[in-house]
Amino acid sequence: MSKVLASLRYSAEHEWVDASTPTKVGITQVAADALGDVVYVDLPEVGSEVTAGETCGEVESTKSVSDLYAPVTGTIVEINQDAIDNPAILNEDPYGAGWLFTVEVTEEGPLLSAADYASANGGDVA
């Protein structure tokens, strides 16, 4: 079963956010496991605005292409170039080295606790 970290909060679209400032965003292990081998990541540009609940990029795997949804509203501060250069890192370490971007948050979207996300998506809270 996929791991869900208790220290993070989650969107219904399978993105996670941490409590740092700026806020770090990534995809969950549930999403990474469902996608299979990630081969391409398209992320928003630094300085661009994202809106909670709206698409802001794509994650492509050997199985499918999935939209990436912003879990928060704000300005992109940094993108993870390592994830672009080596998309497999999203499968290997989705909560660590596989983070996607950081956002200077102006508003949060609807976010779930780890327990609520795991209950809805079949993960184990760690």
C-alpha atoms as a PDB file:
ATOM      1  CA  MET A   1       0.000   0.000   0.000  1.00  0.00           C
ATOM      2  CA  SER A   2       1.203   3.531  -0.779  1.00  0.00           C
ATOM      3  CA  LYS A   3       2.694   5.672   1.969  1.00  0.00           C
ATOM      4  CA  VAL A   4       0.954   8.902   3.066  1.00  0.00           C
ATOM      5  CA  LEU A   5       3.060  11.160   5.296  1.00  0.00           C
ATOM      6  CA  ALA A   6       1.291  12.461   8.406  1.00  0.00           C
ATOM      7  CA  SER A   7       3.275  15.729   8.309  1.00  0.00           C
ATOM      8  CA  LEU A   8       1.794  16.829   4.955  1.00  0.00           C
ATOM      9  CA  ARG A   9      -1.608  17.964   3.722  1.00  0.00           C
ATOM     10  CA  TYR A  10      -3.165  16.735   0.491  1.00  0.00           C
ATOM     11  CA  SER A  11      -5.423  17.780  -2.365  1.00  0.00           C
ATOM     12  CA  ALA A  12      -8.132  15.498  -3.730  1.00  0.00           C
ATOM     13  CA  GLU A  13      -6.138  15.531  -7.012  1.00  0.00           C
ATOM     14  CA  HIS A  14      -3.152  13.791  -5.319  1.00  0.00           C
ATOM     15  CA  GLU A  15      -0.792  16.702  -4.696  1.00  0.00           C
ATOM     16  CA  TRP A  16       0.848  17.267  -1.325  1.00  0.00           C
ATOM     17  CA  VAL A  17       1.905  20.493   0.398  1.00  0.00           C
ATOM     18  CA  ASP A  18       4.232  20.954   3.337  1.00  0.00           C
ATOM     19  CA  ALA A  19       4.185  23.603   6.050  1.00  0.00           C
ATOM     20  CA  SER A  20       7.299  25.482   4.919  1.00  0.00           C
ATOM     21  CA  THR A  21       7.427  29.030   3.555  1.00  0.00           C
ATOM     22  CA  PRO A  22       7.474  29.112   0.598  1.00  0.00           C
ATOM     23  CA  THR A  23       5.309  26.000   0.428  1.00  0.00           C
ATOM     24  CA  LYS A  24       6.736  22.940  -1.290  1.00  0.00           C
ATOM     25  CA  VAL A  25       4.415  20.940  -3.590  1.00  0.00           C
ATOM     26  CA  GLY A  26       4.686  17.431  -5.038  1.00  0.00           C
ATOM     27  CA  ILE A  27       2.605  14.441  -6.081  1.00  0.00           C
ATOM     28  CA  THR A  28       1.690  11.698  -3.653  1.00  0.00           C
ATOM     29  CA  GLN A  29       3.044   8.185  -3.672  1.00  0.00           C
ATOM     30  CA  VAL A  30      -0.532   7.067  -4.383  1.00  0.00           C
ATOM     31  CA  ALA A  31      -0.402   9.092  -7.629  1.00  0.00           C
ATOM     32  CA  ALA A  32       3.140   8.007  -8.501  1.00  0.00           C
ATOM     33  CA  ASP A  33       2.221   4.345  -7.997  1.00  0.00           C
ATOM     34  CA  ALA A  34      -0.929   4.697 -10.125  1.00  0.00           C
ATOM     35  CA  LEU A  35       0.960   6.477 -12.917  1.00  0.00           C
ATOM     36  CA  GLY A  36       3.736   3.922 -13.163  1.00  0.00           C
ATOM     37  CA  ASP A  37       7.117   4.980 -14.543  1.00  0.00           C
ATOM     38  CA  VAL A  38       7.142   8.794 -14.855  1.00  0.00           C
ATOM     39  CA  VAL A  39       9.015   9.868 -17.994  1.00  0.00           C
ATOM     40  CA  TYR A  40       8.226  13.596 -18.358  1.00  0.00           C
ATOM     41  CA  VAL A  41       7.218  16.498 -16.110  1.00  0.00           C
ATOM     42  CA  ASP A  42       5.939  19.903 -17.260  1.00  0.00           C
ATOM     43  CA  LEU A  43       5.995  22.487 -14.452  1.00  0.00           C
ATOM     44  CA  PRO A  44       4.852  26.113 -14.210  1.00  0.00           C
ATOM     45  CA  GLU A  45       7.475  28.814 -14.777  1.00  0.00           C
ATOM     46  CA  VAL A  46       9.122  30.657 -11.900  1.00  0.00           C
ATOM     47  CA  GLY A  47       7.235  33.915 -11.345  1.00  0.00           C
ATOM     48  CA  SER A  48       3.974  32.603 -12.780  1.00  0.00           C
ATOM     49  CA  GLU A  49       0.748  32.621 -10.801  1.00  0.00           C
ATOM     50  CA  VAL A  50      -1.110  29.395  -9.994  1.00  0.00           C
ATOM     51  CA  THR A  51      -4.665  29.080  -8.732  1.00  0.00           C
ATOM     52  CA  ALA A  52      -5.829  26.355  -6.361  1.00  0.00           C
ATOM     53  CA  GLY A  53      -7.791  23.679  -8.172  1.00  0.00           C
ATOM     54  CA  GLU A  54      -6.606  24.698 -11.650  1.00  0.00           C
ATOM     55  CA  THR A  55      -4.135  22.863 -13.856  1.00  0.00           C
ATOM     56  CA  CYS A  56      -0.553  24.088 -13.720  1.00  0.00           C
ATOM     57  CA  GLY A  57       1.409  21.354 -15.486  1.00  0.00           C
ATOM     58  CA  GLU A  58       1.525  17.717 -16.538  1.00  0.00           C
ATOM     59  CA  VAL A  59       3.048  14.454 -15.425  1.00  0.00           C
ATOM     60  CA  GLU A  60       3.545  11.874 -18.176  1.00  0.00           C
ATOM     61  CA  SER A  61       4.195   8.204 -17.541  1.00  0.00           C
ATOM     62  CA  THR A  62       4.556   5.132 -19.704  1.00  0.00           C
ATOM     63  CA  LYS A  63       0.818   4.553 -19.049  1.00  0.00           C
ATOM     64  CA  SER A  64      -0.798   7.992 -19.314  1.00  0.00           C
ATOM     65  CA  VAL A  65      -0.594  11.773 -19.136  1.00  0.00           C
ATOM     66  CA  SER A  66      -2.097  13.389 -16.034  1.00  0.00           C
ATOM     67  CA  ASP A  67      -2.754  17.028 -15.327  1.00  0.00           C
ATOM     68  CA  LEU A  68      -1.006  18.574 -12.350  1.00  0.00           C
ATOM     69  CA  TYR A  69      -3.334  20.719 -10.225  1.00  0.00           C
ATOM     70  CA  ALA A  70      -2.243  23.554  -7.978  1.00  0.00           C
ATOM     71  CA  PRO A  71      -3.280  22.780  -4.380  1.00  0.00           C
ATOM     72  CA  VAL A  72      -2.748  26.435  -3.412  1.00  0.00           C
ATOM     73  CA  THR A  73      -2.950  29.893  -4.987  1.00  0.00           C
ATOM     74  CA  GLY A  74       0.183  32.004  -5.270  1.00  0.00           C
ATOM     75  CA  THR A  75       3.401  32.738  -7.134  1.00  0.00           C
ATOM     76  CA  ILE A  76       5.874  30.055  -8.195  1.00  0.00           C
ATOM     77  CA  VAL A  77       9.193  30.721  -6.425  1.00  0.00           C
ATOM     78  CA  GLU A  78      11.250  27.715  -7.502  1.00  0.00           C
ATOM     79  CA  ILE A  79      10.946  24.601  -9.635  1.00  0.00           C
ATOM     80  CA  ASN A  80      12.785  21.337  -9.041  1.00  0.00           C
ATOM     81  CA  GLN A  81      15.098  21.067 -12.051  1.00  0.00           C
ATOM     82  CA  ASP A  82      16.128  17.587 -10.870  1.00  0.00           C
ATOM     83  CA  ALA A  83      12.539  16.385 -11.364  1.00  0.00           C
ATOM     84  CA  ILE A  84      12.531  17.765 -14.910  1.00  0.00           C
ATOM     85  CA  ASP A  85      15.940  16.264 -15.731  1.00  0.00           C
ATOM     86  CA  ASN A  86      15.177  12.914 -14.050  1.00  0.00           C
ATOM     87  CA  PRO A  87      11.369  12.413 -13.838  1.00  0.00           C
ATOM     88  CA  ALA A  88      11.826   8.910 -12.380  1.00  0.00           C
ATOM     89  CA  ILE A  89      12.668  10.649  -9.093  1.00  0.00           C
ATOM     90  CA  LEU A  90       8.897  11.152  -8.647  1.00  0.00           C
ATOM     91  CA  ASN A  91       8.524   7.365  -8.390  1.00  0.00           C
ATOM     92  CA  GLU A  92      11.661   6.875  -6.301  1.00  0.00           C
ATOM     93  CA  ASP A  93      11.129   9.626  -3.699  1.00  0.00           C
ATOM     94  CA  PRO A  94       7.834  11.523  -4.219  1.00  0.00           C
ATOM     95  CA  TYR A  95       7.908  13.151  -0.755  1.00  0.00           C
ATOM     96  CA  GLY A  96      11.601  14.042  -0.766  1.00  0.00           C
ATOM     97  CA  ALA A  97      13.852  14.626  -3.768  1.00  0.00           C
ATOM     98  CA  GLY A  98      10.827  14.324  -6.091  1.00  0.00           C
ATOM     99  CA  TRP A  99       9.150  17.581  -4.988  1.00  0.00           C
ATOM    100  CA  LEU A 100       7.948  19.695  -7.928  1.00  0.00           C
ATOM    101  CA  PHE A 101       7.855  23.401  -7.068  1.00  0.00           C
ATOM    102  CA  THR A 102       7.561  25.938  -4.281  1.00  0.00           C
ATOM    103  CA  VAL A 103       4.842  28.585  -4.017  1.00  0.00           C
ATOM    104  CA  GLU A 104       4.543  31.845  -2.110  1.00  0.00           C
ATOM    105  CA  VAL A 105       0.995  31.091  -0.985  1.00  0.00           C
ATOM    106  CA  THR A 106      -1.736  33.738  -0.944  1.00  0.00           C
ATOM    107  CA  GLU A 107      -4.614  31.282  -0.450  1.00  0.00           C
ATOM    108  CA  GLU A 108      -4.981  27.562   0.169  1.00  0.00           C
ATOM    109  CA  GLY A 109      -7.337  25.342  -1.751  1.00  0.00           C
ATOM    110  CA  PRO A 110      -9.328  22.623  -0.018  1.00  0.00           C
ATOM    111  CA  LEU A 111      -6.730  20.380   1.626  1.00  0.00           C
ATOM    112  CA  LEU A 112      -7.117  17.052   3.393  1.00  0.00           C
ATOM    113  CA  SER A 113      -5.328  15.711   6.436  1.00  0.00           C
ATOM    114  CA  ALA A 114      -3.133  12.644   5.926  1.00  0.00           C
ATOM    115  CA  ALA A 115      -5.765  10.447   7.601  1.00  0.00           C
ATOM    116  CA  ASP A 116      -8.570  11.769   5.369  1.00  0.00           C
ATOM    117  CA  TYR A 117      -6.467  11.442   2.198  1.00  0.00           C
ATOM    118  CA  ALA A 118      -5.372   7.889   3.117  1.00  0.00           C
ATOM    119  CA  SER A 119      -8.957   6.877   3.924  1.00  0.00           C
ATOM    120  CA  ALA A 120     -10.204   8.156   0.552  1.00  0.00           C
ATOM    121  CA  ASN A 121      -7.299   6.747  -1.494  1.00  0.00           C
ATOM    122  CA  GLY A 122      -6.175   3.571   0.239  1.00  0.00           C
ATOM    123  CA  GLY A 123      -2.801   4.694   1.584  1.00  0.00           C
ATOM    124  CA  ASP A 124      -1.045   3.961   4.865  1.00  0.00           C
ATOM    125  CA  VAL A 125      -0.285   6.957   7.104  1.00  0.00           C
ATOM    126  CA  ALA A 126       3.368   7.019   8.118  1.00  0.00           C
END
